Structure formats: structure tokens, C-alpha cells
Amino acid sequence: MDKTICIINADIYTGITNIPNGVLIIKNDKIEDVVGSERFGKMTMPAGTEYIDIQGNTLCAGFIDTHIHGFGGFETSDAEEEAFLQMSLGLTAFGVTSFCPTIYTQEESRLAESVRVGVGAIGKESGAHIAGLHLEGPFISRKQIGAQEEAALKEVDMDLMARYNQLGQGHISLMTVAPELKNMRELALYCIKKGITLSAGHTNATYENMLEGMQAGILHSTHFFNAMRKLHHRDPGCVGAILIHPEISCEIIADGQHVHPALIKLLYRDKPVDKIVLVTDALCPTMQKEGVLKANKEEVYFKDDVFFKVSDDVIAGSSLTMMKGIQNLVSWGIPLSDAIMMATTNPARVIGLDKEAGLLIPGHRADITAFNSDFETTLTLVDGRILYRKS
């Protein structure tokens, strides 16, 4: 039997336009229509329609986090199906309706097992969709390893890539690579054919290396400014190439620690807004309630909203949520509509979800988030099902 839900009294950001005092109409698992209250008053809804009054809250497409390692004490490197499913469940309270579980560079058998288990979790989620896996390596630079396992880094190996692709069963959406590595063009052409988006990250690429990578189809970048060759007046490097060329999109971790807010404002000024993708890079202890803080099997400590490795004090990752990221962006002068675009429409396009998610338009999945003026999630729906509602 068909089910209709009307979310009323909403300040709606569709990803195309803003509809103050609007109404979103959901039929089963899809968006049926988005209208102003005046037009809605002339419409007739079927018997049994459920009405949800969100009292002026902001309503937008559900957030899509394409770079997240863990949440609530669970992480991808646990290589346990339950960890992926618990991440899916917990993220809905923070407005996330789709995510790409991100797998560290780690010992080959562990990485392969994490891929196998992650793929096995797809379709079993009771919360946010697993939109595909993000492999952060292992074909990355030894000069920009960040918190990755140095011993597990690899030169480009096409046989190994074919094995990952086979294990992924078509569900590897993103892969972070260093464009300067030998045989990267061969890898890039292979990944294009397999529908895998390559992202420049953990890279020591020169400006020329980046141009070669872009020509081969590497048109996205991982946690911009972090773990990549810096800008120099004689070599624009990776950072310069991303700033200069509007074709390449970039992730940003908007926690105020990974990147100074002034640099994010510079990026917003110079980069087309549809090429900026908000991510969390959140680690296992994010929103964890108790227990030892660990990430990728290594103990970490929490300071200034980020996690540091106990062993060497290197930043291991963020404790950011997508909702907090949007709040931060707005506080730094980014218009709310653009901040929402960075969390919804833009990531959907990067991973090829833009035909079904990231916009509030008829025919798209009813993956929807509402939040109040304090940037607290008040309502989350996935496929038209209410999975979180603030009491």
C-alpha cells in the first residue's frame, strides 16, 4: 500500500533553489514533489497521509560523507560487518544518509579483508546507505604518509588493483592515489573503466605530475591542503594545481584544525563552489561514549577537536561530524546554501549518486535531513523511513 508523508512548515534548500515555508511530499521511498505552502493549500492529499511539522527548521537532502574511517567506537579496519552496520546506524543522528566507509592503507591481507567485509555489509544497512568504499591507498607517497602505515605502502601494482576490484564487486567508489607514482596512468585508465573515482592525496606530486594525472582522469583530491606537496613560487605543486585548475574538485575537513578557516575562505573565493566537498575524515572514537580511544588499531588521544597518535603525536584524523562541519563553514562566512551543497549535491556528483541523491527533486530517493538554528539534527529519513527524530 502506498504511503505519503508531507513535511510542512520547512525552510527548504533543494540544492537548486530555496523555498521558505515549503512542503516536501514523499511517496513511499521517493520524493513526489516540493512546493510552496500556497500551492500545497490547493492540493489534495490521499487518505492516511502523515504530516510532520518541522516548525521552520531547515530541510535539505541528506548529507553524504565520502571520507569517514569510523564513528561511535566502530571503524572500517575492524574488518567486521557489524562495525560497518553500526556506523550506518549511528550517523543518521547527525544528518548523514549516505557514506563511503574509508579504509586505511594497512597490511595487504587486512586491507583485503576490510574490503570483503565492507562489501558484504552493503544492502544490510538499517541506517545510512553505504554508497561504496573509499580506499585511502595503498598507492600513495612515502613522503606524505600522514597517519597511514608506511610499511603497507605499494608501488602501482595492476594485479593487486584487479584483486581489489574483484573483492569490491563494483562497490569501490573512491580511491586515494599519488599521481606521481610510476604506472599511475595505467591505473587511472583501468579505474575509469571500472567506475572508480581517483582522488589525488597523500601525494608529493609536482605541478607537472598533477597535470599529467588530471589528463588521465584524476579530477578529485583528498583532504585538500593536508598530506600533499605544498605551494611554492617555483613549483605550484599539488596544492597550486588544485587551486589553479577549476576542473579538479577537492575534499575539505572543516574542523578548523586540519585547515585554517582563512584558507577555506580563500578556497571558497577561488574554487567553483560545486567543486568543494565537505568530509569529516572522522575516526573510530568520534562520539564514542566509553573505552580506550583507538584508530586503525593504534591508540590515539583527543585534543583541540582532533585525534593524535600516541606513538608520535601525528594528527590521525578528525572528530568532525557533517552537521558540525556545516555549522563551522557558516560561522566562517560561507552561505548556508553553499555549505549544504558541499555536503550533499557535490559529493553525490563525485561518486555518481547525482541521479538519485543529493538534491530534493521529484524522483530522487527520499534521503532527507532537517536541522534547527542551533545546527542540531531534528529529523532524518532514509528511503522515506524516519530513522531519527529529535525528541
Protein backbone atom coordinates (compact mmCIF):
# COMPACT_ATOMS: atom_id res chain seq x y z
CA MET A 1 0.00 0.00 0.00
CA ASP A 2 1.33 3.45 -0.91
CA LYS A 3 2.40 5.72 1.93
CA THR A 4 2.53 9.52 1.70
CA ILE A 5 4.43 11.80 4.07
CA CYS A 6 4.22 15.60 3.96
CA ILE A 7 6.91 17.58 5.78
CA ILE A 8 5.37 21.01 6.33
CA ASN A 9 6.49 24.44 7.58
CA ALA A 10 10.01 23.81 6.26
CA ASP A 11 12.71 26.21 5.07
CA ILE A 12 13.71 24.03 2.12
CA TYR A 13 17.09 24.02 0.38
CA THR A 14 16.56 21.83 -2.65
CA GLY A 15 20.12 22.17 -3.98
CA ILE A 16 18.71 24.30 -6.80
CA THR A 17 16.62 26.91 -5.01
CA ASN A 18 15.38 27.90 -1.56
CA ILE A 19 11.66 27.56 -0.74
CA PRO A 20 10.76 29.35 2.51
CA ASN A 21 7.72 27.90 4.26
CA GLY A 22 7.70 24.99 1.85
CA VAL A 23 6.33 21.46 1.84
CA LEU A 24 8.13 18.28 0.83
CA ILE A 25 5.88 15.44 -0.32
CA ILE A 26 7.18 11.86 -0.10
CA LYS A 27 5.52 8.86 -1.66
CA ASN A 28 6.92 5.56 -0.43
CA ASP A 29 10.72 5.85 -0.82
CA LYS A 30 10.86 8.73 -3.33
CA ILE A 31 10.34 12.47 -3.36
CA GLU A 32 6.99 13.14 -5.02
CA ASP A 33 7.06 16.96 -5.07
CA VAL A 34 8.48 20.07 -3.42
CA VAL A 35 6.12 23.06 -3.28
CA GLY A 36 5.42 26.33 -1.53
CA SER A 37 2.75 26.39 1.17
CA GLU A 38 0.36 28.41 -1.01
CA ARG A 39 0.39 25.82 -3.78
CA PHE A 40 0.20 23.00 -1.25
CA GLY A 41 -3.00 24.55 0.15
CA LYS A 42 -4.69 23.89 -3.22
CA MET A 43 -3.59 20.26 -3.39
CA THR A 44 -5.48 17.21 -2.14
CA MET A 45 -3.50 14.55 -0.30
CA PRO A 46 -4.59 10.89 -0.13
CA ALA A 47 -6.31 9.50 2.95
CA GLY A 48 -3.84 8.33 5.60
CA THR A 49 -1.18 10.92 4.71
CA GLU A 50 1.28 11.53 7.58
CA TYR A 51 2.08 15.18 8.31
CA ILE A 52 5.34 16.21 10.00
CA ASP A 53 5.52 19.84 11.11
CA ILE A 54 9.18 20.87 11.48
CA GLN A 55 8.30 24.42 12.57
CA GLY A 56 10.59 26.41 10.32
CA ASN A 57 13.63 24.15 10.53
CA THR A 58 15.98 23.89 7.57
CA LEU A 59 15.23 20.92 5.31
CA CYS A 60 17.73 19.60 2.73
CA ALA A 61 18.97 16.44 1.08
CA GLY A 62 20.67 14.04 3.45
CA PHE A 63 24.40 14.54 3.95
CA ILE A 64 26.84 12.33 2.04
CA ASP A 65 30.18 11.75 3.79
CA THR A 66 32.65 10.32 1.27
CA HIS A 67 35.62 10.12 3.66
CA ILE A 68 34.99 8.58 7.08
CA HIS A 69 37.02 5.87 8.84
CA GLY A 70 34.91 5.28 11.91
CA PHE A 71 32.23 6.51 14.26
CA GLY A 72 30.94 5.77 17.76
CA GLY A 73 33.68 3.26 18.59
CA PHE A 74 33.41 1.33 15.31
CA GLU A 75 35.75 1.54 12.31
CA THR A 76 36.35 0.04 8.91
CA SER A 77 39.69 -1.53 9.85
CA ASP A 78 37.89 -3.73 12.40
CA ALA A 79 37.08 -5.86 9.32
CA GLU A 80 33.80 -6.80 10.99
CA GLU A 81 30.47 -6.43 9.25
CA GLU A 82 28.87 -5.18 12.44
CA ALA A 83 31.26 -2.20 12.52
CA PHE A 84 30.06 -1.01 9.10
CA LEU A 85 26.43 -1.52 10.09
CA GLN A 86 26.81 0.31 13.41
CA MET A 87 28.42 3.24 11.61
CA SER A 88 25.42 3.29 9.27
CA LEU A 89 23.02 3.38 12.19
CA GLY A 90 24.81 5.98 14.29
CA LEU A 91 25.42 8.51 11.53
CA THR A 92 21.71 9.22 10.96
CA ALA A 93 21.56 11.23 14.20
CA PHE A 94 23.95 13.68 12.54
CA GLY A 95 22.04 14.02 9.28
CA VAL A 96 24.07 11.54 7.21
CA THR A 97 22.05 9.41 4.80
CA SER A 98 24.91 8.00 2.67
CA PHE A 99 28.59 7.44 3.38
CA CYS A 100 31.71 5.86 1.93
CA PRO A 101 33.43 3.77 4.61
CA THR A 102 37.09 4.68 4.18
CA ILE A 103 39.77 2.04 4.57
CA TYR A 104 43.29 2.94 5.65
CA THR A 105 46.45 1.76 3.95
CA GLN A 106 47.28 -1.30 6.01
CA GLU A 107 48.85 -4.74 5.69
CA GLU A 108 47.58 -6.28 2.46
CA SER A 109 45.55 -9.15 3.92
CA ARG A 110 43.86 -6.81 6.43
CA LEU A 111 43.02 -4.29 3.73
CA ALA A 112 41.59 -7.01 1.50
CA GLU A 113 39.52 -8.39 4.38
CA SER A 114 38.15 -4.93 5.18
CA VAL A 115 37.08 -4.57 1.53
CA ARG A 116 35.45 -8.01 1.52
CA VAL A 117 33.57 -7.38 4.77
CA GLY A 118 32.54 -3.85 3.75
CA VAL A 119 31.05 -5.13 0.50
CA GLY A 120 29.21 -7.82 2.46
CA ALA A 121 27.56 -5.14 4.61
CA ILE A 122 26.06 -3.33 1.62
CA GLY A 123 22.34 -3.94 1.46
CA LYS A 124 22.11 -4.87 5.14
CA GLU A 125 22.20 -1.30 6.48
CA SER A 126 19.46 -0.17 8.85
CA GLY A 127 20.66 3.45 8.74
CA ALA A 128 22.60 5.48 6.21
CA HIS A 129 23.32 3.90 2.83
CA ILE A 130 26.82 2.55 2.24
CA ALA A 131 27.38 4.36 -1.05
CA GLY A 132 30.58 2.48 -1.83
CA LEU A 133 34.03 2.04 -0.31
CA HIS A 134 36.84 4.59 -0.30
CA LEU A 135 40.34 3.08 -0.36
CA GLU A 136 42.85 5.59 1.04
CA GLY A 137 45.87 4.00 -0.63
CA PRO A 138 47.91 1.85 -0.83
CA PHE A 139 49.34 3.55 -3.96
CA ILE A 140 50.42 6.72 -2.17
CA SER A 141 53.64 8.64 -1.48
CA ARG A 142 56.18 7.65 1.16
CA LYS A 143 56.92 11.37 1.59
CA GLN A 144 53.31 12.23 2.51
CA ILE A 145 52.14 9.23 4.54
CA GLY A 146 50.31 11.13 7.29
CA ALA A 147 48.76 8.53 9.60
CA GLN A 148 48.91 5.68 7.08
CA GLU A 149 51.00 2.54 7.66
CA GLU A 150 54.31 3.19 5.90
CA ALA A 151 55.21 -0.50 5.67
CA ALA A 152 51.98 -1.17 3.77
CA LEU A 153 52.52 1.40 1.00
CA LYS A 154 52.77 -0.03 -2.50
CA GLU A 155 54.05 0.94 -5.91
CA VAL A 156 51.32 0.74 -8.53
CA ASP A 157 50.52 -2.96 -8.99
CA MET A 158 47.86 -3.72 -11.58
CA ASP A 159 47.43 -7.33 -10.46
CA LEU A 160 46.79 -6.13 -6.92
CA MET A 161 44.36 -3.49 -8.19
CA ALA A 162 42.48 -6.14 -10.15
CA ARG A 163 42.23 -8.19 -6.95
CA TYR A 164 40.82 -5.23 -5.01
CA ASN A 165 38.32 -4.59 -7.79
CA GLN A 166 37.24 -8.24 -7.76
CA LEU A 167 36.80 -8.16 -3.97
CA GLY A 168 34.92 -4.87 -4.31
CA GLN A 169 32.36 -6.35 -6.69
CA GLY A 170 31.78 -2.95 -8.25
CA HIS A 171 31.43 -1.19 -4.89
CA ILE A 172 34.73 0.70 -4.73
CA SER A 173 33.61 4.28 -5.33
CA LEU A 174 36.77 6.22 -4.48
CA MET A 175 40.49 5.56 -4.27
CA THR A 176 43.14 7.97 -2.99
CA VAL A 177 46.36 7.79 -5.02
CA ALA A 178 49.60 9.72 -5.58
CA PRO A 179 49.58 10.87 -9.24
CA GLU A 180 53.38 10.96 -9.44
CA LEU A 181 53.84 7.21 -8.98
CA LYS A 182 55.14 5.17 -11.90
CA ASN A 183 52.41 3.45 -13.95
CA MET A 184 49.72 5.71 -12.47
CA ARG A 185 48.31 6.44 -15.93
CA GLU A 186 47.66 2.72 -16.46
CA LEU A 187 45.91 2.56 -13.10
CA ALA A 188 43.84 5.66 -13.87
CA LEU A 189 42.63 4.31 -17.20
CA TYR A 190 41.72 0.99 -15.56
CA CYS A 191 39.75 2.74 -12.81
CA ILE A 192 37.84 4.90 -15.29
CA LYS A 193 36.62 1.73 -17.00
CA LYS A 194 35.60 0.25 -13.63
CA GLY A 195 33.74 3.36 -12.44
CA ILE A 196 36.22 4.15 -9.64
CA THR A 197 36.87 7.84 -8.98
CA LEU A 198 40.57 8.50 -8.34
CA SER A 199 41.47 11.23 -5.87
CA ALA A 200 44.91 12.84 -5.52
CA GLY A 201 46.05 12.58 -1.93
CA HIS A 202 48.98 11.60 0.26
CA THR A 203 50.98 12.84 -2.68
CA ASN A 204 54.26 14.62 -3.35
CA ALA A 205 53.20 15.45 -6.91
CA THR A 206 54.77 18.40 -8.68
CA TYR A 207 52.57 20.74 -10.69
CA GLU A 208 53.51 18.83 -13.85
CA ASN A 209 52.69 15.49 -12.17
CA MET A 210 49.27 16.83 -11.30
CA LEU A 211 48.60 17.98 -14.85
CA GLU A 212 49.53 14.51 -16.13
CA GLY A 213 47.22 12.95 -13.55
CA MET A 214 44.35 15.25 -14.47
CA GLN A 215 44.83 14.42 -18.13
CA ALA A 216 44.47 10.74 -17.19
CA GLY A 217 41.23 11.43 -15.30
CA ILE A 218 42.34 12.15 -11.72
CA LEU A 219 39.93 15.02 -11.14
CA HIS A 220 39.29 14.89 -7.40
CA SER A 221 41.57 15.39 -4.37
CA THR A 222 41.68 14.04 -0.82
CA HIS A 223 41.61 16.28 2.30
CA PHE A 224 42.89 19.33 0.42
CA PHE A 225 45.97 21.04 1.88
CA ASN A 226 46.70 18.02 4.12
CA ALA A 227 49.30 15.36 3.25
CA MET A 228 50.21 16.85 -0.13
CA ARG A 229 53.07 18.82 -1.69
CA LYS A 230 52.75 22.46 -0.71
CA LEU A 231 52.53 25.62 -2.79
CA HIS A 232 55.91 27.08 -3.82
CA HIS A 233 56.55 30.05 -6.08
CA ARG A 234 58.76 27.95 -8.40
CA ASP A 235 56.61 24.83 -8.18
CA PRO A 236 52.88 25.32 -7.55
CA GLY A 237 52.83 21.65 -6.53
CA CYS A 238 49.70 19.69 -5.78
CA VAL A 239 48.10 22.48 -3.75
CA GLY A 240 48.73 25.02 -6.50
CA ALA A 241 47.37 22.77 -9.24
CA ILE A 242 44.13 22.24 -7.32
CA LEU A 243 43.74 25.97 -6.69
CA ILE A 244 44.59 26.95 -10.25
CA HIS A 245 42.50 24.43 -12.18
CA PRO A 246 38.71 24.67 -11.75
CA GLU A 247 38.23 21.18 -13.23
CA ILE A 248 39.53 19.37 -10.15
CA SER A 249 37.32 19.06 -7.09
CA CYS A 250 38.57 18.75 -3.53
CA GLU A 251 37.64 17.46 -0.11
CA ILE A 252 37.88 19.80 2.88
CA ILE A 253 37.90 18.87 6.56
CA ALA A 254 36.13 21.87 8.09
CA ASP A 255 37.06 21.32 11.74
CA GLY A 256 39.20 24.46 11.99
CA GLN A 257 42.29 22.40 12.82
CA HIS A 258 43.17 20.44 9.69
CA VAL A 259 42.86 23.62 7.62
CA HIS A 260 42.85 27.21 8.89
CA PRO A 261 39.45 28.85 8.33
CA ALA A 262 41.12 31.67 6.36
CA LEU A 263 42.40 29.14 3.81
CA ILE A 264 38.93 27.66 3.45
CA LYS A 265 37.65 31.17 2.75
CA LEU A 266 40.40 31.57 0.14
CA LEU A 267 39.41 28.26 -1.43
CA TYR A 268 35.75 29.29 -1.48
CA ARG A 269 36.68 32.56 -3.19
CA ASP A 270 38.81 30.92 -5.91
CA LYS A 271 37.31 27.46 -6.49
CA PRO A 272 33.87 26.93 -8.08
CA VAL A 273 31.56 26.09 -5.19
CA ASP A 274 30.35 22.93 -6.91
CA LYS A 275 33.91 21.56 -6.73
CA ILE A 276 34.22 21.71 -2.92
CA VAL A 277 33.22 18.60 -0.95
CA LEU A 278 32.80 18.62 2.81
CA VAL A 279 34.11 15.46 4.52
CA THR A 280 34.76 14.53 8.13
CA ASP A 281 37.74 12.13 7.96
CA ALA A 282 36.23 11.02 11.28
CA LEU A 283 37.91 8.26 13.26
CA CYS A 284 36.58 5.40 15.34
CA PRO A 285 36.39 7.36 18.64
CA THR A 286 34.20 10.13 17.19
CA MET A 287 31.17 10.33 19.51
CA GLN A 288 32.45 7.25 21.35
CA LYS A 289 30.91 7.09 24.82
CA GLU A 290 33.46 4.96 26.67
CA GLY A 291 36.57 2.79 26.31
CA VAL A 292 40.13 3.24 25.04
CA LEU A 293 40.48 5.60 22.08
CA LYS A 294 41.95 3.76 19.08
CA ALA A 295 42.16 4.29 15.33
CA ASN A 296 43.47 1.71 12.87
CA LYS A 297 44.42 -0.49 15.85
CA GLU A 298 46.62 2.29 17.26
CA GLU A 299 45.97 4.27 20.43
CA VAL A 300 45.12 7.95 19.95
CA TYR A 301 44.40 10.91 22.22
CA PHE A 302 41.93 13.77 21.78
CA LYS A 303 42.98 17.42 21.70
CA ASP A 304 41.54 20.54 20.03
CA ASP A 305 38.80 18.54 18.26
CA VAL A 306 41.24 16.17 16.52
CA PHE A 307 42.87 12.85 17.34
CA PHE A 308 46.64 12.42 17.60
CA LYS A 309 48.62 9.17 17.54
CA VAL A 310 50.07 8.42 20.97
CA SER A 311 53.18 6.92 19.37
CA ASP A 312 54.42 10.04 17.52
CA ASP A 313 51.89 12.88 18.09
CA VAL A 314 50.97 12.97 14.39
CA ILE A 315 47.37 14.02 13.62
CA ALA A 316 45.49 10.79 12.92
CA GLY A 317 42.15 12.30 11.91
CA SER A 318 39.17 14.35 12.94
CA SER A 319 36.23 14.09 15.32
CA LEU A 320 34.10 16.18 12.97
CA THR A 321 30.50 15.42 12.07
CA MET A 322 28.91 16.65 8.85
CA MET A 323 26.48 18.80 10.81
CA LYS A 324 29.30 20.45 12.77
CA GLY A 325 31.19 20.97 9.52
CA ILE A 326 28.26 22.89 8.04
CA GLN A 327 27.97 24.95 11.22
CA ASN A 328 31.68 25.80 11.05
CA LEU A 329 31.51 26.78 7.38
CA VAL A 330 28.58 29.12 8.06
CA SER A 331 30.43 30.67 11.04
CA TRP A 332 33.36 31.39 8.69
CA GLY A 333 31.14 33.32 6.28
CA ILE A 334 30.10 30.61 3.80
CA PRO A 335 26.40 30.99 2.87
CA LEU A 336 24.24 28.19 4.28
CA SER A 337 23.04 27.20 0.80
CA ASP A 338 26.63 26.68 -0.36
CA ALA A 339 27.64 24.82 2.79
CA ILE A 340 24.70 22.45 2.24
CA MET A 341 25.74 21.98 -1.39
CA MET A 342 29.22 20.93 -0.21
CA ALA A 343 27.64 18.23 1.97
CA THR A 344 25.00 16.95 -0.45
CA THR A 345 24.98 17.77 -4.16
CA ASN A 346 28.76 17.94 -4.62
CA PRO A 347 29.71 14.59 -3.05
CA ALA A 348 26.81 12.92 -4.86
CA ARG A 349 28.29 14.08 -8.16
CA VAL A 350 31.81 12.91 -7.30
CA ILE A 351 30.72 9.33 -6.63
CA GLY A 352 27.99 9.16 -9.28
CA LEU A 353 24.98 9.35 -6.97
CA ASP A 354 23.65 12.55 -8.50
CA LYS A 355 20.87 10.78 -10.41
CA GLU A 356 19.30 9.57 -7.15
CA ALA A 357 20.59 11.61 -4.19
CA GLY A 358 22.00 14.99 -3.22
CA LEU A 359 19.03 17.08 -4.41
CA LEU A 360 15.44 17.47 -3.25
CA ILE A 361 13.72 16.98 -6.58
CA PRO A 362 10.90 14.65 -7.69
CA GLY A 363 12.09 11.13 -8.39
CA HIS A 364 15.12 11.25 -6.12
CA ARG A 365 15.40 9.00 -3.09
CA ALA A 366 13.71 10.41 -0.01
CA ASP A 367 17.03 10.79 1.82
CA ILE A 368 16.34 13.91 3.83
CA THR A 369 17.72 15.85 6.79
CA ALA A 370 16.26 18.66 8.89
CA PHE A 371 18.07 20.79 11.45
CA ASN A 372 17.34 23.77 13.68
CA SER A 373 19.05 27.14 14.13
CA ASP A 374 21.47 25.56 16.62
CA PHE A 375 22.56 23.07 13.93
CA GLU A 376 21.03 20.15 15.77
CA THR A 377 19.59 17.37 13.63
CA THR A 378 15.83 17.23 14.17
CA LEU A 379 14.79 14.70 11.51
CA THR A 380 16.49 12.19 9.23
CA LEU A 381 14.77 10.00 6.65
CA VAL A 382 16.43 7.35 4.50
CA ASP A 383 14.37 5.95 1.61
CA GLY A 384 11.35 7.69 3.13
CA ARG A 385 11.77 5.94 6.50
CA ILE A 386 12.12 8.09 9.62
CA LEU A 387 15.35 6.91 11.24
CA TYR A 388 15.99 9.81 13.58
CA ARG A 389 13.66 12.35 15.16
CA LYS A 390 14.76 14.71 17.91
CA SER A 391 12.54 14.32 20.95
